[in-house]
N, C-alpha and C. Protein backbone atom coordinates (compact mmCIF):
# COMPACT_ATOMS: atom_id res chain seq x y z
N MET A 1 14.83 0.30 5.92
CA MET A 1 14.64 -0.72 4.90
C MET A 1 15.45 -1.96 5.18
N ILE A 2 16.75 -1.79 5.48
CA ILE A 2 17.63 -2.94 5.63
C ILE A 2 17.23 -3.84 6.82
N LYS A 3 16.67 -3.24 7.87
CA LYS A 3 16.29 -4.03 9.05
C LYS A 3 15.17 -5.01 8.72
N GLU A 4 14.27 -4.58 7.84
CA GLU A 4 13.17 -5.50 7.46
C GLU A 4 13.72 -6.61 6.59
N PHE A 5 14.76 -6.34 5.85
CA PHE A 5 15.32 -7.28 4.92
C PHE A 5 16.21 -8.29 5.61
N ASN A 6 17.21 -7.81 6.36
CA ASN A 6 18.11 -8.67 7.14
C ASN A 6 17.65 -8.62 8.61
N THR A 7 16.79 -9.58 8.95
CA THR A 7 16.08 -9.53 10.24
C THR A 7 17.01 -9.63 11.45
N TYR A 8 18.22 -10.12 11.33
CA TYR A 8 19.12 -10.16 12.45
C TYR A 8 19.38 -8.77 13.00
N LEU A 9 19.29 -7.73 12.15
CA LEU A 9 19.54 -6.35 12.61
C LEU A 9 18.52 -5.87 13.64
N GLU A 10 17.31 -6.46 13.62
CA GLU A 10 16.31 -6.07 14.61
C GLU A 10 16.63 -6.64 15.98
N LYS A 11 17.43 -7.67 16.04
CA LYS A 11 17.60 -8.40 17.28
C LYS A 11 18.99 -8.26 17.90
N ILE A 12 19.91 -7.58 17.23
CA ILE A 12 21.22 -7.32 17.81
C ILE A 12 21.22 -5.86 18.26
N ASP A 13 22.18 -5.52 19.03
CA ASP A 13 22.34 -4.13 19.51
C ASP A 13 23.12 -3.38 18.42
N SER A 14 22.42 -2.93 17.38
CA SER A 14 23.09 -2.25 16.28
C SER A 14 23.82 -0.99 16.72
N GLU A 15 23.27 -0.33 17.74
CA GLU A 15 23.90 0.88 18.26
C GLU A 15 25.28 0.55 18.82
N PHE A 16 25.39 -0.58 19.53
CA PHE A 16 26.66 -1.01 20.10
C PHE A 16 27.68 -1.23 18.97
N TRP A 17 27.29 -2.01 17.93
CA TRP A 17 28.21 -2.39 16.87
C TRP A 17 28.56 -1.15 16.05
N SER A 18 27.60 -0.31 15.80
CA SER A 18 27.83 0.92 15.04
C SER A 18 28.85 1.82 15.77
N ARG A 19 28.63 2.02 17.06
CA ARG A 19 29.54 2.82 17.86
C ARG A 19 30.96 2.25 17.85
N LEU A 20 31.03 0.93 18.00
CA LEU A 20 32.34 0.25 18.01
C LEU A 20 33.05 0.43 16.68
N CYS A 21 32.30 0.29 15.59
CA CYS A 21 32.91 0.46 14.25
C CYS A 21 33.38 1.90 14.06
N HIS A 22 32.57 2.86 14.47
CA HIS A 22 32.97 4.27 14.33
C HIS A 22 34.17 4.62 15.20
N GLU A 23 34.20 4.15 16.44
CA GLU A 23 35.25 4.50 17.39
C GLU A 23 36.55 3.75 17.15
N GLU A 24 36.43 2.46 16.81
CA GLU A 24 37.61 1.60 16.73
C GLU A 24 37.99 1.24 15.28
N GLY A 25 37.08 1.47 14.36
CA GLY A 25 37.29 1.07 12.99
C GLY A 25 37.94 2.13 12.12
N LEU A 26 38.21 1.74 10.93
CA LEU A 26 38.85 2.60 9.94
C LEU A 26 37.94 2.68 8.72
N LEU A 27 37.61 3.88 8.24
CA LEU A 27 36.75 4.08 7.08
C LEU A 27 37.55 3.75 5.82
N ARG A 28 37.03 2.76 5.02
CA ARG A 28 37.66 2.38 3.79
C ARG A 28 36.68 2.53 2.63
N THR A 29 37.22 2.70 1.46
CA THR A 29 36.41 2.85 0.25
C THR A 29 36.75 1.74 -0.72
N TYR A 30 35.68 1.17 -1.30
CA TYR A 30 35.82 0.13 -2.30
C TYR A 30 35.02 0.58 -3.55
N ARG A 31 35.56 0.30 -4.72
CA ARG A 31 34.84 0.60 -5.96
C ARG A 31 33.95 -0.60 -6.33
N ARG A 32 32.92 -0.31 -7.13
CA ARG A 32 32.02 -1.40 -7.56
C ARG A 32 32.86 -2.55 -8.11
N GLY A 33 32.61 -3.77 -7.64
CA GLY A 33 33.33 -4.94 -8.12
C GLY A 33 34.51 -5.34 -7.24
N ASP A 34 34.99 -4.41 -6.41
CA ASP A 34 36.09 -4.76 -5.50
C ASP A 34 35.59 -5.75 -4.43
N GLU A 35 36.50 -6.61 -4.02
CA GLU A 35 36.21 -7.60 -3.02
C GLU A 35 36.58 -7.08 -1.62
N PHE A 36 35.62 -7.08 -0.74
CA PHE A 36 35.82 -6.71 0.66
C PHE A 36 36.40 -7.92 1.40
N ILE A 37 35.85 -9.09 1.10
CA ILE A 37 36.30 -10.36 1.65
C ILE A 37 36.34 -11.34 0.50
N THR A 38 37.34 -12.21 0.48
CA THR A 38 37.53 -13.17 -0.62
C THR A 38 37.37 -14.61 -0.12
N ILE A 39 36.59 -15.36 -0.84
CA ILE A 39 36.38 -16.76 -0.48
C ILE A 39 37.73 -17.50 -0.39
N GLY A 40 37.85 -18.34 0.62
CA GLY A 40 39.06 -19.13 0.82
C GLY A 40 40.17 -18.40 1.58
N GLU A 41 39.97 -17.13 1.80
CA GLU A 41 40.97 -16.36 2.57
C GLU A 41 40.41 -16.03 3.95
N VAL A 42 41.26 -15.89 4.93
CA VAL A 42 40.82 -15.52 6.24
C VAL A 42 40.44 -14.03 6.20
N ALA A 43 39.21 -13.77 6.55
CA ALA A 43 38.72 -12.35 6.54
C ALA A 43 39.32 -11.64 7.74
N LYS A 44 39.80 -10.46 7.49
CA LYS A 44 40.45 -9.68 8.55
C LYS A 44 39.50 -8.67 9.16
N TYR A 45 38.38 -8.33 8.45
CA TYR A 45 37.53 -7.24 8.90
C TYR A 45 36.05 -7.60 8.95
N PHE A 46 35.41 -6.88 9.81
CA PHE A 46 33.97 -6.83 9.96
C PHE A 46 33.66 -5.38 9.62
N GLY A 47 32.59 -5.11 8.86
CA GLY A 47 32.37 -3.73 8.48
C GLY A 47 30.93 -3.27 8.61
N LEU A 48 30.79 -1.98 8.91
CA LEU A 48 29.50 -1.27 8.93
C LEU A 48 29.43 -0.44 7.64
N ILE A 49 28.39 -0.68 6.85
CA ILE A 49 28.27 0.02 5.58
C ILE A 49 27.77 1.45 5.82
N LYS A 50 28.62 2.41 5.44
CA LYS A 50 28.23 3.84 5.55
C LYS A 50 27.49 4.27 4.32
N SER A 51 27.94 3.87 3.13
CA SER A 51 27.25 4.17 1.89
C SER A 51 27.49 3.05 0.89
N GLY A 52 26.52 2.87 0.00
CA GLY A 52 26.66 1.83 -0.99
C GLY A 52 26.00 0.52 -0.59
N SER A 53 26.35 -0.52 -1.30
CA SER A 53 25.77 -1.88 -1.06
C SER A 53 26.78 -2.96 -1.38
N ALA A 54 26.53 -4.14 -0.84
CA ALA A 54 27.43 -5.28 -1.06
C ALA A 54 26.60 -6.51 -1.28
N LYS A 55 27.22 -7.48 -1.95
CA LYS A 55 26.56 -8.77 -2.14
C LYS A 55 27.51 -9.89 -1.74
N TYR A 56 26.94 -10.93 -1.18
CA TYR A 56 27.64 -12.11 -0.74
C TYR A 56 27.58 -13.14 -1.86
N VAL A 57 28.72 -13.61 -2.30
CA VAL A 57 28.78 -14.52 -3.47
C VAL A 57 29.39 -15.85 -3.02
N ALA A 58 28.72 -16.94 -3.43
CA ALA A 58 29.27 -18.29 -3.23
C ALA A 58 29.27 -18.92 -4.65
N TYR A 59 29.96 -20.04 -4.75
CA TYR A 59 30.12 -20.62 -6.11
C TYR A 59 29.71 -22.10 -6.05
N THR A 60 29.07 -22.57 -7.13
CA THR A 60 28.71 -23.99 -7.23
C THR A 60 29.98 -24.77 -7.63
N ALA A 61 29.81 -26.09 -7.69
CA ALA A 61 30.95 -26.96 -8.11
C ALA A 61 31.39 -26.62 -9.54
N ASP A 62 30.46 -26.10 -10.34
CA ASP A 62 30.78 -25.70 -11.73
C ASP A 62 31.23 -24.24 -11.85
N TYR A 63 31.53 -23.61 -10.70
CA TYR A 63 31.99 -22.25 -10.63
C TYR A 63 30.93 -21.21 -11.06
N GLU A 64 29.68 -21.58 -10.92
CA GLU A 64 28.61 -20.62 -11.21
C GLU A 64 28.42 -19.74 -9.95
N GLU A 65 28.33 -18.43 -10.19
CA GLU A 65 28.15 -17.49 -9.10
C GLU A 65 26.74 -17.55 -8.56
N ARG A 66 26.61 -17.60 -7.24
CA ARG A 66 25.30 -17.56 -6.57
C ARG A 66 25.33 -16.46 -5.53
N ILE A 67 24.30 -15.64 -5.50
CA ILE A 67 24.18 -14.58 -4.52
C ILE A 67 23.47 -15.16 -3.30
N VAL A 68 24.14 -15.14 -2.17
CA VAL A 68 23.59 -15.72 -0.95
C VAL A 68 23.25 -14.71 0.11
N GLY A 69 23.60 -13.43 -0.13
CA GLY A 69 23.30 -12.39 0.81
C GLY A 69 23.42 -11.02 0.17
N LEU A 70 22.69 -10.07 0.72
CA LEU A 70 22.69 -8.69 0.23
C LEU A 70 22.73 -7.75 1.43
N GLU A 71 23.50 -6.67 1.33
CA GLU A 71 23.58 -5.68 2.42
C GLU A 71 23.56 -4.29 1.83
N THR A 72 22.97 -3.36 2.57
CA THR A 72 22.99 -1.94 2.18
C THR A 72 23.36 -1.08 3.36
N VAL A 73 23.23 0.22 3.21
CA VAL A 73 23.58 1.20 4.24
C VAL A 73 22.97 0.81 5.59
N GLY A 74 23.84 0.85 6.62
CA GLY A 74 23.44 0.53 7.97
C GLY A 74 23.55 -0.96 8.26
N GLY A 75 23.85 -1.76 7.26
CA GLY A 75 24.04 -3.21 7.48
C GLY A 75 25.50 -3.50 7.70
N TYR A 76 25.76 -4.73 8.06
CA TYR A 76 27.13 -5.15 8.34
C TYR A 76 27.58 -6.18 7.31
N ALA A 77 28.89 -6.12 6.99
CA ALA A 77 29.47 -7.04 6.06
C ALA A 77 30.53 -7.82 6.78
N ALA A 78 30.38 -9.15 6.80
CA ALA A 78 31.37 -9.98 7.44
C ALA A 78 31.14 -11.44 7.05
N SER A 79 32.22 -12.19 7.08
CA SER A 79 32.09 -13.62 6.88
C SER A 79 32.03 -14.25 8.32
N TRP A 80 30.99 -13.91 8.99
CA TRP A 80 30.78 -14.26 10.39
C TRP A 80 30.31 -15.69 10.43
N PRO A 81 30.70 -16.60 11.30
CA PRO A 81 31.67 -16.49 12.39
C PRO A 81 33.10 -16.87 11.97
N PHE A 82 33.31 -17.16 10.70
CA PHE A 82 34.63 -17.58 10.24
C PHE A 82 35.71 -16.54 10.58
N PHE A 83 35.33 -15.29 10.43
CA PHE A 83 36.30 -14.22 10.64
C PHE A 83 36.72 -14.19 12.12
N LEU A 84 35.79 -14.49 13.03
CA LEU A 84 36.10 -14.48 14.47
C LEU A 84 37.03 -15.64 14.85
N HIS A 85 36.95 -16.73 14.12
CA HIS A 85 37.71 -17.93 14.45
C HIS A 85 38.93 -18.09 13.55
N HIS A 86 39.24 -17.04 12.78
CA HIS A 86 40.44 -17.08 11.90
C HIS A 86 40.37 -18.25 10.93
N LYS A 87 39.22 -18.47 10.35
CA LYS A 87 38.98 -19.54 9.36
C LYS A 87 38.74 -18.90 7.98
N PRO A 88 39.10 -19.63 6.93
CA PRO A 88 38.87 -19.10 5.57
C PRO A 88 37.38 -18.86 5.34
N SER A 89 37.08 -17.75 4.66
CA SER A 89 35.71 -17.38 4.35
C SER A 89 35.09 -18.37 3.35
N VAL A 90 33.79 -18.60 3.51
CA VAL A 90 33.07 -19.46 2.58
C VAL A 90 32.33 -18.65 1.53
N VAL A 91 32.46 -17.32 1.60
CA VAL A 91 31.85 -16.43 0.65
C VAL A 91 32.82 -15.33 0.25
N THR A 92 32.54 -14.70 -0.89
CA THR A 92 33.23 -13.46 -1.27
C THR A 92 32.21 -12.34 -1.08
N ILE A 93 32.60 -11.28 -0.49
CA ILE A 93 31.74 -10.10 -0.34
C ILE A 93 32.26 -9.04 -1.28
N VAL A 94 31.41 -8.67 -2.24
CA VAL A 94 31.76 -7.77 -3.34
C VAL A 94 30.99 -6.46 -3.22
N ALA A 95 31.69 -5.36 -3.47
CA ALA A 95 31.01 -4.07 -3.54
C ALA A 95 30.06 -4.07 -4.71
N ASN A 96 28.80 -3.94 -4.44
CA ASN A 96 27.77 -3.92 -5.49
C ASN A 96 27.72 -2.53 -6.14
N SER A 97 28.19 -1.54 -5.45
CA SER A 97 28.28 -0.17 -5.89
C SER A 97 29.51 0.42 -5.21
N ASP A 98 29.86 1.66 -5.47
CA ASP A 98 30.92 2.25 -4.68
C ASP A 98 30.49 2.17 -3.24
N LEU A 99 31.43 1.77 -2.40
CA LEU A 99 31.13 1.39 -1.02
C LEU A 99 32.05 2.07 -0.07
N GLU A 100 31.46 2.68 0.96
CA GLU A 100 32.23 3.18 2.12
C GLU A 100 31.86 2.33 3.31
N ILE A 101 32.88 1.82 4.00
CA ILE A 101 32.60 0.86 5.07
C ILE A 101 33.59 1.09 6.20
N TYR A 102 33.04 1.14 7.42
CA TYR A 102 33.88 1.23 8.62
C TYR A 102 34.35 -0.19 8.93
N CYS A 103 35.67 -0.39 8.88
CA CYS A 103 36.23 -1.72 9.05
C CYS A 103 36.84 -1.87 10.46
N LEU A 104 36.44 -2.92 11.12
CA LEU A 104 36.91 -3.26 12.44
C LEU A 104 37.60 -4.61 12.34
N SER A 105 38.82 -4.68 12.79
CA SER A 105 39.60 -5.94 12.65
C SER A 105 39.16 -6.99 13.64
N ALA A 106 39.31 -8.25 13.23
CA ALA A 106 39.02 -9.37 14.09
C ALA A 106 39.96 -9.31 15.33
N THR A 107 41.16 -8.91 15.12
CA THR A 107 42.13 -8.81 16.22
C THR A 107 41.64 -7.83 17.27
N LYS A 108 41.11 -6.69 16.84
CA LYS A 108 40.60 -5.69 17.76
C LYS A 108 39.38 -6.19 18.52
N ILE A 109 38.46 -6.86 17.85
CA ILE A 109 37.26 -7.38 18.52
C ILE A 109 37.67 -8.42 19.55
N LYS A 110 38.58 -9.33 19.22
CA LYS A 110 39.03 -10.35 20.16
C LYS A 110 39.75 -9.73 21.34
N GLU A 111 40.56 -8.74 21.08
CA GLU A 111 41.28 -8.03 22.12
C GLU A 111 40.26 -7.37 23.11
N LEU A 112 39.24 -6.71 22.56
CA LEU A 112 38.24 -6.07 23.39
C LEU A 112 37.44 -7.11 24.21
N ALA A 113 37.13 -8.23 23.56
CA ALA A 113 36.33 -9.28 24.21
C ALA A 113 37.06 -9.87 25.43
N LYS A 114 38.41 -9.87 25.41
CA LYS A 114 39.17 -10.42 26.52
C LYS A 114 38.99 -9.60 27.80
N THR A 115 38.77 -8.32 27.65
CA THR A 115 38.70 -7.42 28.80
C THR A 115 37.32 -6.82 29.07
N ASP A 116 36.40 -7.00 28.14
CA ASP A 116 35.09 -6.37 28.25
C ASP A 116 34.00 -7.42 28.04
N ILE A 117 33.35 -7.79 29.11
CA ILE A 117 32.31 -8.82 29.05
C ILE A 117 31.14 -8.41 28.12
N GLU A 118 30.89 -7.11 27.98
CA GLU A 118 29.83 -6.62 27.10
C GLU A 118 30.14 -6.94 25.66
N VAL A 119 31.38 -6.83 25.23
CA VAL A 119 31.76 -7.22 23.88
C VAL A 119 31.52 -8.70 23.68
N GLU A 120 31.92 -9.49 24.66
CA GLU A 120 31.71 -10.95 24.58
C GLU A 120 30.21 -11.27 24.48
N ARG A 121 29.39 -10.58 25.25
CA ARG A 121 27.97 -10.80 25.21
C ARG A 121 27.37 -10.41 23.85
N GLN A 122 27.84 -9.31 23.29
CA GLN A 122 27.37 -8.85 22.01
C GLN A 122 27.76 -9.82 20.89
N ILE A 123 28.92 -10.41 21.00
CA ILE A 123 29.35 -11.41 20.00
C ILE A 123 28.43 -12.63 20.07
N ALA A 124 28.11 -13.08 21.29
CA ALA A 124 27.23 -14.24 21.47
C ALA A 124 25.84 -13.93 20.90
N GLN A 125 25.36 -12.74 21.17
CA GLN A 125 24.04 -12.34 20.66
C GLN A 125 24.03 -12.30 19.10
N ALA A 126 25.09 -11.75 18.54
CA ALA A 126 25.18 -11.72 17.08
C ALA A 126 25.25 -13.13 16.50
N ASN A 127 26.01 -14.00 17.09
CA ASN A 127 26.08 -15.42 16.64
C ASN A 127 24.69 -16.05 16.63
N GLU A 128 23.98 -15.85 17.70
CA GLU A 128 22.63 -16.45 17.83
C GLU A 128 21.66 -15.88 16.78
N GLN A 129 21.67 -14.60 16.61
CA GLN A 129 20.72 -13.97 15.69
C GLN A 129 21.05 -14.27 14.24
N LEU A 130 22.32 -14.32 13.91
CA LEU A 130 22.68 -14.71 12.54
C LEU A 130 22.33 -16.17 12.25
N PHE A 131 22.44 -17.02 13.24
CA PHE A 131 21.99 -18.42 13.07
C PHE A 131 20.48 -18.47 12.78
N TYR A 132 19.69 -17.74 13.58
CA TYR A 132 18.25 -17.73 13.35
C TYR A 132 17.91 -17.20 11.99
N THR A 133 18.54 -16.12 11.56
CA THR A 133 18.25 -15.56 10.21
C THR A 133 18.59 -16.57 9.12
N ALA A 134 19.77 -17.20 9.23
CA ALA A 134 20.15 -18.18 8.21
C ALA A 134 19.20 -19.37 8.25
N TYR A 135 18.79 -19.83 9.40
CA TYR A 135 17.90 -20.97 9.50
C TYR A 135 16.53 -20.61 8.93
N GLU A 136 15.99 -19.44 9.23
CA GLU A 136 14.72 -19.02 8.65
C GLU A 136 14.79 -18.96 7.13
N ARG A 137 15.88 -18.48 6.61
CA ARG A 137 16.07 -18.40 5.16
C ARG A 137 16.13 -19.81 4.53
N LEU A 138 16.84 -20.72 5.16
CA LEU A 138 16.90 -22.08 4.70
C LEU A 138 15.50 -22.71 4.65
N ILE A 139 14.76 -22.58 5.72
CA ILE A 139 13.41 -23.15 5.78
C ILE A 139 12.53 -22.55 4.70
N SER A 140 12.66 -21.24 4.43
CA SER A 140 11.84 -20.62 3.40
C SER A 140 12.04 -21.26 2.03
N PHE A 141 13.23 -21.77 1.75
CA PHE A 141 13.46 -22.43 0.48
C PHE A 141 12.67 -23.75 0.37
N TYR A 142 12.35 -24.32 1.51
CA TYR A 142 11.60 -25.58 1.50
C TYR A 142 10.09 -25.37 1.54
N ILE A 143 9.63 -24.27 2.16
CA ILE A 143 8.19 -24.12 2.38
C ILE A 143 7.54 -23.07 1.50
N GLN A 144 8.34 -22.19 0.88
CA GLN A 144 7.78 -21.17 0.05
C GLN A 144 8.09 -21.40 -1.41
N SER A 145 7.12 -21.10 -2.25
CA SER A 145 7.35 -21.14 -3.71
C SER A 145 8.24 -19.96 -4.11
N PRO A 146 8.81 -19.97 -5.31
CA PRO A 146 9.56 -18.82 -5.77
C PRO A 146 8.73 -17.52 -5.73
N LYS A 147 7.46 -17.65 -6.11
CA LYS A 147 6.58 -16.49 -6.08
C LYS A 147 6.42 -15.95 -4.65
N GLU A 148 6.26 -16.84 -3.69
CA GLU A 148 6.12 -16.39 -2.29
C GLU A 148 7.41 -15.76 -1.78
N ARG A 149 8.56 -16.33 -2.19
CA ARG A 149 9.86 -15.74 -1.74
C ARG A 149 10.00 -14.36 -2.36
N TYR A 150 9.61 -14.20 -3.63
CA TYR A 150 9.69 -12.90 -4.30
C TYR A 150 8.77 -11.88 -3.62
N GLU A 151 7.55 -12.28 -3.32
CA GLU A 151 6.60 -11.38 -2.68
C GLU A 151 7.08 -10.98 -1.29
N THR A 152 7.65 -11.94 -0.54
CA THR A 152 8.20 -11.62 0.77
C THR A 152 9.35 -10.64 0.65
N LEU A 153 10.23 -10.86 -0.31
CA LEU A 153 11.35 -9.96 -0.51
C LEU A 153 10.88 -8.54 -0.85
N LEU A 154 9.89 -8.43 -1.73
CA LEU A 154 9.36 -7.12 -2.11
C LEU A 154 8.69 -6.43 -0.91
N ARG A 155 8.00 -7.20 -0.10
CA ARG A 155 7.34 -6.61 1.08
C ARG A 155 8.38 -6.08 2.05
N LYS A 156 9.47 -6.83 2.22
CA LYS A 156 10.53 -6.42 3.15
C LYS A 156 11.41 -5.32 2.58
N CYS A 157 11.57 -5.31 1.29
CA CYS A 157 12.51 -4.36 0.67
C CYS A 157 11.95 -3.89 -0.68
N PRO A 158 10.95 -2.97 -0.64
CA PRO A 158 10.29 -2.54 -1.89
C PRO A 158 11.21 -1.90 -2.91
N ARG A 159 12.34 -1.32 -2.44
CA ARG A 159 13.24 -0.62 -3.39
C ARG A 159 14.42 -1.51 -3.83
N ILE A 160 14.36 -2.80 -3.62
CA ILE A 160 15.47 -3.65 -3.93
C ILE A 160 15.97 -3.55 -5.35
N PHE A 161 15.03 -3.36 -6.32
CA PHE A 161 15.45 -3.27 -7.72
C PHE A 161 16.17 -1.97 -8.04
N GLU A 162 16.10 -1.00 -7.15
CA GLU A 162 16.84 0.23 -7.32
C GLU A 162 18.29 0.07 -6.85
N ILE A 163 18.55 -0.96 -6.02
CA ILE A 163 19.86 -1.12 -5.43
C ILE A 163 20.66 -2.25 -6.08
N PHE A 164 20.01 -3.36 -6.39
CA PHE A 164 20.69 -4.55 -6.92
C PHE A 164 20.19 -4.90 -8.33
N ASP A 165 21.08 -5.50 -9.10
CA ASP A 165 20.74 -5.95 -10.44
C ASP A 165 19.72 -7.11 -10.39
N LEU A 166 18.90 -7.14 -11.44
CA LEU A 166 17.88 -8.20 -11.50
C LEU A 166 18.51 -9.60 -11.41
N LYS A 167 19.62 -9.79 -12.10
CA LYS A 167 20.25 -11.14 -12.08
C LYS A 167 20.72 -11.51 -10.69
N ASP A 168 21.17 -10.53 -9.89
CA ASP A 168 21.58 -10.83 -8.52
C ASP A 168 20.39 -11.11 -7.64
N ILE A 169 19.29 -10.39 -7.83
CA ILE A 169 18.08 -10.67 -7.04
C ILE A 169 17.56 -12.04 -7.39
N ALA A 170 17.54 -12.39 -8.66
CA ALA A 170 17.10 -13.72 -9.08
C ALA A 170 17.96 -14.80 -8.42
N SER A 171 19.27 -14.62 -8.45
CA SER A 171 20.15 -15.57 -7.80
C SER A 171 19.88 -15.69 -6.33
N TYR A 172 19.67 -14.57 -5.68
CA TYR A 172 19.38 -14.55 -4.22
C TYR A 172 18.10 -15.35 -3.96
N LEU A 173 17.11 -15.24 -4.85
CA LEU A 173 15.85 -15.95 -4.70
C LEU A 173 15.95 -17.41 -5.19
N ASN A 174 17.09 -17.77 -5.78
CA ASN A 174 17.38 -19.08 -6.32
C ASN A 174 16.43 -19.42 -7.47
N ILE A 175 16.26 -18.45 -8.37
CA ILE A 175 15.46 -18.62 -9.58
C ILE A 175 16.26 -18.01 -10.73
N THR A 176 15.81 -18.28 -11.97
CA THR A 176 16.48 -17.67 -13.12
C THR A 176 16.02 -16.22 -13.30
N PRO A 177 16.82 -15.39 -13.96
CA PRO A 177 16.36 -14.02 -14.25
C PRO A 177 15.06 -14.03 -15.07
N GLN A 178 14.91 -14.98 -15.95
CA GLN A 178 13.68 -15.05 -16.78
C GLN A 178 12.46 -15.32 -15.87
N HIS A 179 12.60 -16.22 -14.92
CA HIS A 179 11.50 -16.52 -14.01
C HIS A 179 11.17 -15.25 -13.20
N LEU A 180 12.20 -14.52 -12.74
CA LEU A 180 11.98 -13.30 -12.00
C LEU A 180 11.24 -12.27 -12.86
N CYS A 181 11.60 -12.15 -14.13
CA CYS A 181 10.91 -11.22 -15.03
C CYS A 181 9.40 -11.58 -15.14
N ARG A 182 9.15 -12.87 -15.26
CA ARG A 182 7.72 -13.30 -15.33
C ARG A 182 6.98 -12.99 -14.03
N LEU A 183 7.64 -13.16 -12.88
CA LEU A 183 6.98 -12.83 -11.62
C LEU A 183 6.72 -11.33 -11.52
N ARG A 184 7.65 -10.52 -11.98
CA ARG A 184 7.49 -9.08 -11.91
C ARG A 184 6.36 -8.57 -12.81
N LYS A 185 6.15 -9.25 -13.95
CA LYS A 185 5.09 -8.87 -14.86
C LYS A 185 3.71 -9.07 -14.25
N LYS A 186 3.59 -10.11 -13.42
CA LYS A 186 2.32 -10.45 -12.78
C LYS A 186 2.09 -9.46 -11.70
């Protein structure tokens, strides 16, 4: 399910990143509402979600919460590429439910990349695919109606309402919860 939703997962070597997280990472647990990464702080970890789900939160100038990303089991949570370059995160990643996540430190990834060209290649591939995914999503906001974005989301992730709250899905689609309710009724 998650691969259809976050298309970058289809184009990176998930097996490589999963193996690296399992072998070199540390399994951590977060409760619903806990922050895995906090906006404005340098993120220390990249994570593979073992169980649960997470949401990426950004804020408007008026401090309104906006959901800009969603991840579930088998997906990765990171403020990429900021975390690789030791820059403050532009999002907060919050546990949407109780969350188990294999955490791999930026320090460890950089250390491995210095001596292993495969790690360096995988980082470059991840950068490229995340750019494409973000760009496709940006373009969809210009060329698709809210109804089309909703239908696309449902096609890619039919169980999304079982995992995330309606208000978070509405925010992700950049519509109001009321508008999403009307779309669901149709």
